[in-house]
Amino acid sequence: MRTGESEAPESVIRTASRSDIPALVALVNSAYRGAAAQRGWTTETEFLDGQRIDHVTLEGFYDTEGTVFLVLESAGTPLACCELNAPKDGAGGTAYLGMLTVNPDAQAGGVGRRVLAEAEDYAARHWAARRVRMLVLRQRSSLIAWYERRGYALTGDTAPFPYGDERFGIPRRDDLEFVELRKELVPDTR
């Protein structure tokens, strides 16, 4: 941890359960959209209006085999979370990480790095994943740079933004698309 940065005291990372859904929906939406998101640096308000996730969509993730949510909480309050999907290409394959979220008031304090590292470790330990991939809006250059500093690299692959599906937000521009980043995981030699 760099000088001047701090992490939530006595925080714990665990696998989220269905009972966490309301708190996770609130956390994700507060970090990406609206006035609360503007307190942090991960806001998407410049690109999208509306919600980032809703209860029904998040609940659907729990019905998907091989999907887990990790949540970092302090004093019972969720401060960060992420979605993690098992490799579809089997052991030794590529896990997917999505929706890495940190409460705007806890950003820039090491919480995001900790959740990201735990997600990578979880993918390697539980699924024997050798890589982690993610999709990030191409327009989010500061976020892409943050991931690159953590060992992720742009692959050159892109994916379209789901225009017309307001479950993921209301676009404020017509050129949104996702870029793929990928990181090779270091095998555990313990």
N, C-alpha and C. Protein backbone atom coordinates (compact mmCIF):
# COMPACT_ATOMS: atom_id res chain seq x y z
N MET A 1 0.84 -1.17 0.00
CA MET A 1 0.00 0.00 0.00
C MET A 1 0.89 1.24 0.00
N ARG A 2 0.52 2.20 -0.82
CA ARG A 2 1.31 3.43 -0.92
C ARG A 2 1.04 4.33 0.28
N THR A 3 1.99 5.19 0.55
CA THR A 3 1.82 6.16 1.62
C THR A 3 0.58 7.01 1.36
N GLY A 4 -0.18 7.24 2.40
CA GLY A 4 -1.37 8.05 2.28
C GLY A 4 -2.61 7.27 1.93
N GLU A 5 -2.46 5.99 1.57
CA GLU A 5 -3.62 5.17 1.25
C GLU A 5 -3.97 4.32 2.45
N SER A 6 -5.25 4.10 2.62
CA SER A 6 -5.67 3.24 3.71
C SER A 6 -6.81 2.37 3.25
N GLU A 7 -6.96 1.26 3.87
CA GLU A 7 -8.04 0.33 3.57
C GLU A 7 -8.97 0.29 4.75
N ALA A 8 -10.19 -0.10 4.49
CA ALA A 8 -11.19 -0.18 5.55
C ALA A 8 -10.66 -1.06 6.68
N PRO A 9 -10.74 -0.59 7.92
CA PRO A 9 -10.27 -1.39 9.05
C PRO A 9 -11.14 -2.64 9.21
N GLU A 10 -10.49 -3.74 9.57
CA GLU A 10 -11.19 -4.99 9.86
C GLU A 10 -12.17 -5.38 8.76
N SER A 11 -11.72 -5.29 7.53
CA SER A 11 -12.57 -5.69 6.42
C SER A 11 -12.31 -7.16 6.10
N VAL A 12 -13.32 -7.78 5.50
CA VAL A 12 -13.24 -9.19 5.13
C VAL A 12 -13.81 -9.35 3.74
N ILE A 13 -13.22 -10.27 2.97
CA ILE A 13 -13.76 -10.60 1.65
C ILE A 13 -14.39 -11.98 1.76
N ARG A 14 -15.61 -12.08 1.25
CA ARG A 14 -16.32 -13.36 1.28
C ARG A 14 -17.14 -13.51 0.01
N THR A 15 -17.65 -14.71 -0.19
CA THR A 15 -18.57 -14.97 -1.29
C THR A 15 -19.93 -14.42 -0.90
N ALA A 16 -20.52 -13.62 -1.75
CA ALA A 16 -21.83 -13.02 -1.46
C ALA A 16 -22.93 -14.07 -1.62
N SER A 17 -24.02 -13.85 -0.92
CA SER A 17 -25.19 -14.73 -1.02
C SER A 17 -26.37 -13.94 -1.58
N ARG A 18 -27.46 -14.62 -1.85
CA ARG A 18 -28.66 -13.95 -2.36
C ARG A 18 -29.14 -12.86 -1.40
N SER A 19 -28.93 -13.05 -0.12
CA SER A 19 -29.39 -12.02 0.83
C SER A 19 -28.61 -10.71 0.67
N ASP A 20 -27.48 -10.75 -0.02
CA ASP A 20 -26.67 -9.55 -0.26
C ASP A 20 -27.16 -8.75 -1.47
N ILE A 21 -28.08 -9.29 -2.26
CA ILE A 21 -28.46 -8.65 -3.52
C ILE A 21 -28.90 -7.19 -3.35
N PRO A 22 -29.81 -6.85 -2.43
CA PRO A 22 -30.20 -5.44 -2.33
C PRO A 22 -29.02 -4.50 -2.04
N ALA A 23 -28.13 -4.91 -1.15
CA ALA A 23 -26.97 -4.07 -0.82
C ALA A 23 -26.01 -3.97 -2.00
N LEU A 24 -25.84 -5.07 -2.76
CA LEU A 24 -24.94 -5.04 -3.90
C LEU A 24 -25.49 -4.17 -5.03
N VAL A 25 -26.80 -4.25 -5.27
CA VAL A 25 -27.42 -3.39 -6.29
C VAL A 25 -27.19 -1.92 -5.92
N ALA A 26 -27.41 -1.57 -4.68
CA ALA A 26 -27.21 -0.19 -4.23
C ALA A 26 -25.74 0.21 -4.37
N LEU A 27 -24.82 -0.66 -3.98
CA LEU A 27 -23.39 -0.37 -4.07
C LEU A 27 -22.97 -0.14 -5.52
N VAL A 28 -23.34 -1.06 -6.41
CA VAL A 28 -22.92 -0.96 -7.80
C VAL A 28 -23.48 0.31 -8.44
N ASN A 29 -24.76 0.56 -8.25
CA ASN A 29 -25.35 1.75 -8.85
C ASN A 29 -24.74 3.03 -8.29
N SER A 30 -24.40 3.05 -7.00
CA SER A 30 -23.83 4.26 -6.41
C SER A 30 -22.41 4.53 -6.91
N ALA A 31 -21.70 3.49 -7.31
CA ALA A 31 -20.32 3.66 -7.75
C ALA A 31 -20.21 4.03 -9.23
N TYR A 32 -21.22 3.69 -10.01
CA TYR A 32 -21.14 3.93 -11.45
C TYR A 32 -22.00 5.07 -11.95
N ARG A 33 -23.15 5.30 -11.32
CA ARG A 33 -24.10 6.26 -11.87
C ARG A 33 -24.61 7.20 -10.79
N GLY A 34 -25.06 8.36 -11.20
CA GLY A 34 -25.71 9.30 -10.29
C GLY A 34 -24.74 10.18 -9.52
N ALA A 35 -25.31 10.97 -8.62
CA ALA A 35 -24.55 11.96 -7.85
C ALA A 35 -23.50 11.30 -6.96
N ALA A 36 -23.83 10.18 -6.31
CA ALA A 36 -22.87 9.52 -5.43
C ALA A 36 -21.63 9.07 -6.20
N ALA A 37 -21.83 8.60 -7.43
CA ALA A 37 -20.70 8.12 -8.23
C ALA A 37 -19.70 9.22 -8.54
N GLN A 38 -20.16 10.44 -8.61
CA GLN A 38 -19.28 11.55 -8.95
C GLN A 38 -18.27 11.87 -7.84
N ARG A 39 -18.47 11.28 -6.66
CA ARG A 39 -17.48 11.46 -5.58
C ARG A 39 -16.25 10.59 -5.83
N GLY A 40 -16.37 9.56 -6.64
CA GLY A 40 -15.27 8.66 -6.94
C GLY A 40 -14.75 8.87 -8.36
N TRP A 41 -13.73 8.12 -8.71
CA TRP A 41 -13.14 8.30 -10.04
C TRP A 41 -13.63 7.25 -11.03
N THR A 42 -14.47 6.30 -10.60
CA THR A 42 -14.94 5.25 -11.50
C THR A 42 -16.30 5.53 -12.11
N THR A 43 -16.82 6.71 -11.93
CA THR A 43 -18.14 7.06 -12.44
C THR A 43 -18.25 6.89 -13.96
N GLU A 44 -19.43 6.48 -14.40
CA GLU A 44 -19.73 6.40 -15.83
C GLU A 44 -20.75 7.46 -16.24
N THR A 45 -21.02 8.42 -15.37
CA THR A 45 -22.07 9.40 -15.62
C THR A 45 -21.81 10.23 -16.88
N GLU A 46 -20.58 10.34 -17.29
CA GLU A 46 -20.25 11.06 -18.52
C GLU A 46 -20.76 10.31 -19.75
N PHE A 47 -20.89 8.99 -19.63
CA PHE A 47 -21.25 8.15 -20.77
C PHE A 47 -22.66 7.58 -20.71
N LEU A 48 -23.16 7.37 -19.50
CA LEU A 48 -24.42 6.66 -19.33
C LEU A 48 -25.27 7.26 -18.21
N ASP A 49 -26.57 7.26 -18.42
CA ASP A 49 -27.53 7.60 -17.38
C ASP A 49 -28.23 6.32 -16.95
N GLY A 50 -29.12 6.44 -15.97
CA GLY A 50 -29.89 5.27 -15.53
C GLY A 50 -29.10 4.39 -14.60
N GLN A 51 -29.54 3.18 -14.48
CA GLN A 51 -28.93 2.23 -13.55
C GLN A 51 -27.77 1.48 -14.19
N ARG A 52 -26.94 0.88 -13.37
CA ARG A 52 -25.88 -0.02 -13.84
C ARG A 52 -26.34 -1.47 -13.73
N ILE A 53 -27.14 -1.75 -12.72
CA ILE A 53 -27.64 -3.12 -12.48
C ILE A 53 -28.97 -3.00 -11.75
N ASP A 54 -29.80 -4.02 -11.88
CA ASP A 54 -31.04 -4.05 -11.10
C ASP A 54 -31.13 -5.38 -10.37
N HIS A 55 -32.10 -5.47 -9.47
CA HIS A 55 -32.27 -6.64 -8.62
C HIS A 55 -32.46 -7.92 -9.46
N VAL A 56 -33.33 -7.86 -10.45
CA VAL A 56 -33.64 -9.04 -11.27
C VAL A 56 -32.40 -9.52 -12.03
N THR A 57 -31.67 -8.58 -12.63
CA THR A 57 -30.47 -8.96 -13.38
C THR A 57 -29.42 -9.57 -12.47
N LEU A 58 -29.19 -8.95 -11.32
CA LEU A 58 -28.21 -9.49 -10.39
C LEU A 58 -28.63 -10.84 -9.86
N GLU A 59 -29.90 -11.00 -9.58
CA GLU A 59 -30.39 -12.31 -9.13
C GLU A 59 -30.16 -13.38 -10.19
N GLY A 60 -30.25 -13.00 -11.46
CA GLY A 60 -30.00 -13.94 -12.55
C GLY A 60 -28.58 -14.48 -12.53
N PHE A 61 -27.63 -13.68 -12.08
CA PHE A 61 -26.26 -14.17 -11.98
C PHE A 61 -26.16 -15.33 -10.99
N TYR A 62 -26.96 -15.26 -9.94
CA TYR A 62 -26.92 -16.32 -8.93
C TYR A 62 -27.48 -17.63 -9.47
N ASP A 63 -28.27 -17.55 -10.52
CA ASP A 63 -28.83 -18.75 -11.14
C ASP A 63 -27.92 -19.31 -12.22
N THR A 64 -26.79 -18.66 -12.47
CA THR A 64 -25.86 -19.08 -13.50
C THR A 64 -24.74 -19.91 -12.87
N GLU A 65 -24.65 -21.15 -13.28
CA GLU A 65 -23.61 -22.03 -12.73
C GLU A 65 -22.23 -21.46 -13.04
N GLY A 66 -21.36 -21.53 -12.05
CA GLY A 66 -20.00 -21.05 -12.23
C GLY A 66 -19.83 -19.55 -12.04
N THR A 67 -20.85 -18.88 -11.50
CA THR A 67 -20.75 -17.45 -11.23
C THR A 67 -20.80 -17.21 -9.73
N VAL A 68 -19.88 -16.41 -9.24
CA VAL A 68 -19.88 -16.01 -7.83
C VAL A 68 -19.68 -14.50 -7.77
N PHE A 69 -20.12 -13.93 -6.67
CA PHE A 69 -19.83 -12.54 -6.36
C PHE A 69 -18.98 -12.54 -5.11
N LEU A 70 -17.89 -11.79 -5.17
CA LEU A 70 -17.08 -11.59 -3.98
C LEU A 70 -17.45 -10.21 -3.44
N VAL A 71 -17.53 -10.11 -2.13
CA VAL A 71 -17.86 -8.84 -1.50
C VAL A 71 -16.87 -8.56 -0.39
N LEU A 72 -16.37 -7.33 -0.35
CA LEU A 72 -15.52 -6.88 0.74
C LEU A 72 -16.42 -6.02 1.62
N GLU A 73 -16.46 -6.39 2.90
CA GLU A 73 -17.29 -5.62 3.82
C GLU A 73 -16.50 -5.24 5.05
N SER A 74 -16.94 -4.16 5.64
CA SER A 74 -16.36 -3.69 6.88
C SER A 74 -17.52 -3.38 7.82
N ALA A 75 -17.48 -3.93 9.00
CA ALA A 75 -18.55 -3.74 9.99
C ALA A 75 -19.92 -4.09 9.40
N GLY A 76 -19.95 -5.12 8.56
CA GLY A 76 -21.20 -5.59 7.97
C GLY A 76 -21.69 -4.79 6.79
N THR A 77 -20.95 -3.76 6.38
CA THR A 77 -21.35 -2.92 5.26
C THR A 77 -20.50 -3.24 4.04
N PRO A 78 -21.12 -3.58 2.90
CA PRO A 78 -20.35 -3.84 1.68
C PRO A 78 -19.67 -2.58 1.17
N LEU A 79 -18.36 -2.67 0.96
CA LEU A 79 -17.59 -1.55 0.42
C LEU A 79 -17.15 -1.79 -1.01
N ALA A 80 -17.10 -3.07 -1.41
CA ALA A 80 -16.63 -3.41 -2.75
C ALA A 80 -17.15 -4.79 -3.12
N CYS A 81 -17.21 -5.04 -4.42
CA CYS A 81 -17.63 -6.36 -4.88
C CYS A 81 -17.14 -6.57 -6.31
N CYS A 82 -17.27 -7.80 -6.78
CA CYS A 82 -17.03 -8.10 -8.19
C CYS A 82 -17.73 -9.40 -8.54
N GLU A 83 -18.03 -9.52 -9.81
CA GLU A 83 -18.59 -10.74 -10.39
C GLU A 83 -17.43 -11.56 -10.92
N LEU A 84 -17.49 -12.87 -10.78
CA LEU A 84 -16.44 -13.75 -11.28
C LEU A 84 -17.10 -14.98 -11.88
N ASN A 85 -16.72 -15.31 -13.11
CA ASN A 85 -17.27 -16.47 -13.81
C ASN A 85 -16.18 -17.48 -14.08
N ALA A 86 -16.51 -18.75 -13.84
CA ALA A 86 -15.59 -19.85 -14.09
C ALA A 86 -15.24 -19.92 -15.58
N PRO A 87 -14.07 -20.45 -15.90
CA PRO A 87 -13.69 -20.59 -17.30
C PRO A 87 -14.67 -21.49 -18.06
N LYS A 88 -15.14 -21.01 -19.19
CA LYS A 88 -16.02 -21.82 -20.03
C LYS A 88 -15.21 -22.84 -20.83
N ASP A 89 -13.89 -22.60 -20.90
CA ASP A 89 -13.02 -23.50 -21.64
C ASP A 89 -12.33 -24.52 -20.73
N GLY A 90 -12.87 -24.69 -19.50
CA GLY A 90 -12.38 -25.74 -18.60
C GLY A 90 -11.18 -25.33 -17.77
N ALA A 91 -10.68 -26.30 -16.99
CA ALA A 91 -9.53 -26.06 -16.12
C ALA A 91 -8.36 -25.57 -16.95
N GLY A 92 -7.64 -24.61 -16.41
CA GLY A 92 -6.53 -24.02 -17.12
C GLY A 92 -6.97 -22.94 -18.09
N GLY A 93 -8.27 -22.66 -18.10
CA GLY A 93 -8.83 -21.70 -19.04
C GLY A 93 -8.87 -20.28 -18.51
N THR A 94 -9.81 -19.52 -19.04
CA THR A 94 -9.90 -18.10 -18.78
C THR A 94 -11.17 -17.77 -18.00
N ALA A 95 -11.01 -17.23 -16.81
CA ALA A 95 -12.14 -16.77 -16.00
C ALA A 95 -12.52 -15.37 -16.45
N TYR A 96 -13.76 -14.98 -16.17
CA TYR A 96 -14.23 -13.64 -16.52
C TYR A 96 -14.50 -12.87 -15.23
N LEU A 97 -14.01 -11.63 -15.19
CA LEU A 97 -14.24 -10.75 -14.05
C LEU A 97 -15.05 -9.56 -14.54
N GLY A 98 -16.11 -9.24 -13.81
CA GLY A 98 -16.93 -8.10 -14.19
C GLY A 98 -17.39 -7.32 -12.98
N MET A 99 -17.89 -6.14 -13.23
CA MET A 99 -18.51 -5.30 -12.22
C MET A 99 -17.65 -5.08 -10.98
N LEU A 100 -16.35 -4.94 -11.15
CA LEU A 100 -15.52 -4.60 -9.99
C LEU A 100 -15.97 -3.22 -9.52
N THR A 101 -16.43 -3.17 -8.29
CA THR A 101 -17.08 -1.98 -7.75
C THR A 101 -16.50 -1.63 -6.40
N VAL A 102 -16.23 -0.34 -6.20
CA VAL A 102 -15.79 0.14 -4.90
C VAL A 102 -16.64 1.36 -4.55
N ASN A 103 -17.15 1.38 -3.34
CA ASN A 103 -17.91 2.53 -2.85
C ASN A 103 -17.11 3.80 -3.15
N PRO A 104 -17.75 4.84 -3.73
CA PRO A 104 -17.01 6.06 -4.07
C PRO A 104 -16.22 6.66 -2.92
N ASP A 105 -16.72 6.54 -1.69
CA ASP A 105 -16.01 7.10 -0.54
C ASP A 105 -14.82 6.25 -0.10
N ALA A 106 -14.69 5.03 -0.64
CA ALA A 106 -13.58 4.15 -0.27
C ALA A 106 -12.58 3.98 -1.42
N GLN A 107 -12.80 4.71 -2.52
CA GLN A 107 -11.91 4.58 -3.67
C GLN A 107 -10.56 5.23 -3.39
N ALA A 108 -9.54 4.75 -4.09
CA ALA A 108 -8.17 5.24 -3.98
C ALA A 108 -7.53 4.90 -2.64
N GLY A 109 -8.06 3.85 -1.99
CA GLY A 109 -7.50 3.44 -0.70
C GLY A 109 -7.01 2.00 -0.67
N GLY A 110 -6.90 1.36 -1.82
CA GLY A 110 -6.39 -0.01 -1.87
C GLY A 110 -7.47 -1.07 -1.88
N VAL A 111 -8.72 -0.69 -1.71
CA VAL A 111 -9.82 -1.66 -1.66
C VAL A 111 -9.98 -2.37 -3.00
N GLY A 112 -9.98 -1.62 -4.09
CA GLY A 112 -10.13 -2.22 -5.42
C GLY A 112 -9.01 -3.19 -5.74
N ARG A 113 -7.79 -2.81 -5.42
CA ARG A 113 -6.64 -3.70 -5.64
C ARG A 113 -6.80 -5.00 -4.86
N ARG A 114 -7.29 -4.88 -3.63
CA ARG A 114 -7.45 -6.07 -2.79
C ARG A 114 -8.51 -7.01 -3.36
N VAL A 115 -9.64 -6.46 -3.78
CA VAL A 115 -10.71 -7.30 -4.35
C VAL A 115 -10.24 -7.92 -5.66
N LEU A 116 -9.55 -7.16 -6.49
CA LEU A 116 -9.04 -7.69 -7.75
C LEU A 116 -8.08 -8.86 -7.50
N ALA A 117 -7.15 -8.68 -6.57
CA ALA A 117 -6.20 -9.75 -6.25
C ALA A 117 -6.92 -10.98 -5.70
N GLU A 118 -7.92 -10.78 -4.85
CA GLU A 118 -8.68 -11.91 -4.31
C GLU A 118 -9.44 -12.63 -5.41
N ALA A 119 -10.00 -11.89 -6.36
CA ALA A 119 -10.73 -12.51 -7.47
C ALA A 119 -9.78 -13.35 -8.32
N GLU A 120 -8.61 -12.84 -8.60
CA GLU A 120 -7.63 -13.60 -9.38
C GLU A 120 -7.23 -14.87 -8.63
N ASP A 121 -6.99 -14.74 -7.32
CA ASP A 121 -6.63 -15.90 -6.51
C ASP A 121 -7.77 -16.92 -6.47
N TYR A 122 -9.00 -16.44 -6.32
CA TYR A 122 -10.17 -17.33 -6.28
C TYR A 122 -10.26 -18.11 -7.59
N ALA A 123 -10.11 -17.43 -8.72
CA ALA A 123 -10.21 -18.09 -10.03
C ALA A 123 -9.14 -19.17 -10.17
N ALA A 124 -7.94 -18.88 -9.72
CA ALA A 124 -6.85 -19.86 -9.82
C ALA A 124 -7.07 -21.04 -8.87
N ARG A 125 -7.46 -20.76 -7.62
CA ARG A 125 -7.64 -21.82 -6.63
C ARG A 125 -8.86 -22.71 -6.89
N HIS A 126 -9.99 -22.09 -7.20
CA HIS A 126 -11.24 -22.84 -7.32
C HIS A 126 -11.48 -23.43 -8.70
N TRP A 127 -10.94 -22.78 -9.72
CA TRP A 127 -11.23 -23.21 -11.09
C TRP A 127 -9.99 -23.53 -11.90
N ALA A 128 -8.82 -23.44 -11.30
CA ALA A 128 -7.55 -23.66 -11.99
C ALA A 128 -7.40 -22.75 -13.20
N ALA A 129 -8.00 -21.57 -13.13
CA ALA A 129 -7.90 -20.61 -14.23
C ALA A 129 -6.45 -20.15 -14.38
N ARG A 130 -6.03 -19.99 -15.61
CA ARG A 130 -4.68 -19.49 -15.89
C ARG A 130 -4.69 -18.05 -16.36
N ARG A 131 -5.90 -17.57 -16.68
CA ARG A 131 -6.05 -16.21 -17.16
C ARG A 131 -7.35 -15.62 -16.61
N VAL A 132 -7.40 -14.30 -16.56
CA VAL A 132 -8.63 -13.58 -16.25
C VAL A 132 -8.82 -12.56 -17.36
N ARG A 133 -10.06 -12.46 -17.82
CA ARG A 133 -10.40 -11.46 -18.85
C ARG A 133 -11.53 -10.58 -18.35
N MET A 134 -11.66 -9.42 -18.95
CA MET A 134 -12.73 -8.50 -18.59
C MET A 134 -13.04 -7.62 -19.80
N LEU A 135 -14.19 -6.99 -19.75
CA LEU A 135 -14.58 -6.00 -20.75
C LEU A 135 -14.74 -4.66 -20.06
N VAL A 136 -14.20 -3.61 -20.67
CA VAL A 136 -14.26 -2.25 -20.12
C VAL A 136 -14.65 -1.32 -21.26
N LEU A 137 -15.48 -0.33 -20.97
CA LEU A 137 -15.81 0.65 -22.00
C LEU A 137 -14.54 1.27 -22.57
N ARG A 138 -14.41 1.26 -23.86
CA ARG A 138 -13.23 1.81 -24.54
C ARG A 138 -12.96 3.25 -24.12
N GLN A 139 -14.00 4.01 -23.84
CA GLN A 139 -13.87 5.42 -23.50
C GLN A 139 -13.31 5.65 -22.10
N ARG A 140 -13.19 4.61 -21.29
CA ARG A 140 -12.75 4.76 -19.90
C ARG A 140 -11.23 4.60 -19.80
N SER A 141 -10.50 5.50 -20.38
CA SER A 141 -9.04 5.38 -20.48
C SER A 141 -8.35 5.32 -19.11
N SER A 142 -8.83 6.07 -18.12
CA SER A 142 -8.17 6.04 -16.81
C SER A 142 -8.39 4.68 -16.13
N LEU A 143 -9.56 4.08 -16.33
CA LEU A 143 -9.81 2.76 -15.75
C LEU A 143 -8.98 1.69 -16.46
N ILE A 144 -8.89 1.77 -17.78
CA ILE A 144 -8.05 0.83 -18.54
C ILE A 144 -6.61 0.94 -18.06
N ALA A 145 -6.13 2.16 -17.87
CA ALA A 145 -4.75 2.37 -17.38
C ALA A 145 -4.57 1.76 -16.00
N TRP A 146 -5.58 1.86 -15.13
CA TRP A 146 -5.51 1.27 -13.78
C TRP A 146 -5.34 -0.24 -13.89
N TYR A 147 -6.11 -0.87 -14.76
CA TYR A 147 -5.98 -2.32 -14.95
C TYR A 147 -4.63 -2.68 -15.57
N GLU A 148 -4.16 -1.88 -16.48
CA GLU A 148 -2.85 -2.16 -17.08
C GLU A 148 -1.74 -2.11 -16.04
N ARG A 149 -1.84 -1.20 -15.09
CA ARG A 149 -0.84 -1.14 -14.01
C ARG A 149 -0.89 -2.38 -13.13
N ARG A 150 -1.98 -3.13 -13.19
CA ARG A 150 -2.13 -4.36 -12.42
C ARG A 150 -1.90 -5.61 -13.26
N GLY A 151 -1.28 -5.43 -14.42
CA GLY A 151 -0.86 -6.56 -15.24
C GLY A 151 -1.81 -6.97 -16.36
N TYR A 152 -2.90 -6.25 -16.55
CA TYR A 152 -3.83 -6.57 -17.63
C TYR A 152 -3.35 -5.90 -18.92
N ALA A 153 -3.65 -6.53 -20.05
CA ALA A 153 -3.26 -5.99 -21.34
C ALA A 153 -4.45 -6.02 -22.29
N LEU A 154 -4.55 -5.01 -23.12
CA LEU A 154 -5.58 -5.00 -24.15
C LEU A 154 -5.30 -6.12 -25.14
N THR A 155 -6.36 -6.84 -25.53
CA THR A 155 -6.19 -7.96 -26.46
C THR A 155 -6.44 -7.57 -27.91
N GLY A 156 -7.07 -6.43 -28.14
CA GLY A 156 -7.46 -6.04 -29.48
C GLY A 156 -8.89 -6.44 -29.81
N ASP A 157 -9.50 -7.30 -28.96
CA ASP A 157 -10.88 -7.71 -29.17
C ASP A 157 -11.84 -6.67 -28.59
N THR A 158 -12.97 -6.49 -29.25
CA THR A 158 -13.99 -5.56 -28.79
C THR A 158 -15.34 -6.26 -28.76
N ALA A 159 -16.29 -5.63 -28.09
CA ALA A 159 -17.67 -6.12 -28.04
C ALA A 159 -18.59 -4.91 -28.07
N PRO A 160 -19.74 -5.04 -28.70
CA PRO A 160 -20.65 -3.90 -28.79
C PRO A 160 -21.32 -3.60 -27.45
N PHE A 161 -21.65 -2.34 -27.24
CA PHE A 161 -22.45 -1.96 -26.08
C PHE A 161 -23.89 -2.38 -26.36
N PRO A 162 -24.63 -2.87 -25.33
CA PRO A 162 -26.01 -3.33 -25.56
C PRO A 162 -27.02 -2.17 -25.67
N TYR A 163 -26.90 -1.40 -26.75
CA TYR A 163 -27.84 -0.29 -26.97
C TYR A 163 -29.26 -0.85 -27.00
N GLY A 164 -30.18 -0.10 -26.42
CA GLY A 164 -31.58 -0.51 -26.41
C GLY A 164 -31.97 -1.35 -25.22
N ASP A 165 -31.01 -1.76 -24.40
CA ASP A 165 -31.30 -2.56 -23.21
C ASP A 165 -31.02 -1.70 -21.99
N GLU A 166 -32.05 -1.03 -21.49
CA GLU A 166 -31.88 -0.07 -20.39
C GLU A 166 -31.51 -0.71 -19.07
N ARG A 167 -31.49 -2.05 -19.00
CA ARG A 167 -31.01 -2.69 -17.78
C ARG A 167 -29.56 -2.32 -17.50
N PHE A 168 -28.82 -1.93 -18.54
CA PHE A 168 -27.40 -1.60 -18.40
C PHE A 168 -27.13 -0.11 -18.49
N GLY A 169 -28.19 0.68 -18.57
CA GLY A 169 -28.03 2.13 -18.61
C GLY A 169 -28.57 2.72 -19.90
N ILE A 170 -28.65 4.03 -19.88
CA ILE A 170 -29.14 4.80 -21.02
C ILE A 170 -27.94 5.55 -21.59
N PRO A 171 -27.48 5.16 -22.78
CA PRO A 171 -26.28 5.79 -23.36
C PRO A 171 -26.47 7.28 -23.61
N ARG A 172 -25.41 8.03 -23.34
CA ARG A 172 -25.41 9.47 -23.60
C ARG A 172 -24.66 9.77 -24.89
N ARG A 173 -24.12 8.73 -25.53
CA ARG A 173 -23.41 8.89 -26.79
C ARG A 173 -23.57 7.62 -27.62
N ASP A 174 -23.29 7.71 -28.91
CA ASP A 174 -23.56 6.58 -29.80
C ASP A 174 -22.32 5.80 -30.21
N ASP A 175 -21.19 6.04 -29.56
CA ASP A 175 -19.95 5.35 -29.95
C ASP A 175 -19.41 4.42 -28.86
N LEU A 176 -20.24 4.02 -27.92
CA LEU A 176 -19.76 3.16 -26.83
C LEU A 176 -19.48 1.75 -27.33
N GLU A 177 -18.38 1.20 -26.88
CA GLU A 177 -18.06 -0.20 -27.13
C GLU A 177 -17.11 -0.67 -26.03
N PHE A 178 -17.02 -1.97 -25.89
CA PHE A 178 -16.15 -2.57 -24.88
C PHE A 178 -14.85 -3.04 -25.53
N VAL A 179 -13.77 -2.92 -24.77
CA VAL A 179 -12.49 -3.52 -25.16
C VAL A 179 -12.20 -4.63 -24.15
N GLU A 180 -11.50 -5.64 -24.61
CA GLU A 180 -11.15 -6.76 -23.72
C GLU A 180 -9.74 -6.57 -23.19
N LEU A 181 -9.62 -6.83 -21.89
CA LEU A 181 -8.31 -6.88 -21.24
C LEU A 181 -8.13 -8.28 -20.69
N ARG A 182 -6.89 -8.74 -20.64
CA ARG A 182 -6.62 -10.09 -20.15
C ARG A 182 -5.31 -10.08 -19.36
N LYS A 183 -5.27 -10.96 -18.36
CA LYS A 183 -4.05 -11.10 -17.55
C LYS A 183 -3.75 -12.58 -17.37
N GLU A 184 -2.51 -12.92 -17.56
CA GLU A 184 -2.04 -14.28 -17.29
C GLU A 184 -1.78 -14.37 -15.78
N LEU A 185 -2.32 -15.41 -15.17
CA LEU A 185 -2.14 -15.59 -13.73
C LEU A 185 -0.86 -16.37 -13.47
N VAL A 186 -0.18 -16.01 -12.42
CA VAL A 186 1.04 -16.71 -12.03
C VAL A 186 0.63 -17.95 -11.25
N PRO A 187 1.08 -19.14 -11.66
CA PRO A 187 0.70 -20.33 -10.91
C PRO A 187 1.24 -20.30 -9.48
N ASP A 188 0.45 -20.83 -8.56
CA ASP A 188 0.84 -20.93 -7.15
C ASP A 188 1.86 -22.05 -7.02
N THR A 189 3.04 -21.75 -6.54
CA THR A 189 4.10 -22.77 -6.41
C THR A 189 4.32 -23.21 -4.98
N ARG A 190 3.34 -22.89 -4.10
CA ARG A 190 3.49 -23.30 -2.70
C ARG A 190 3.42 -24.79 -2.56
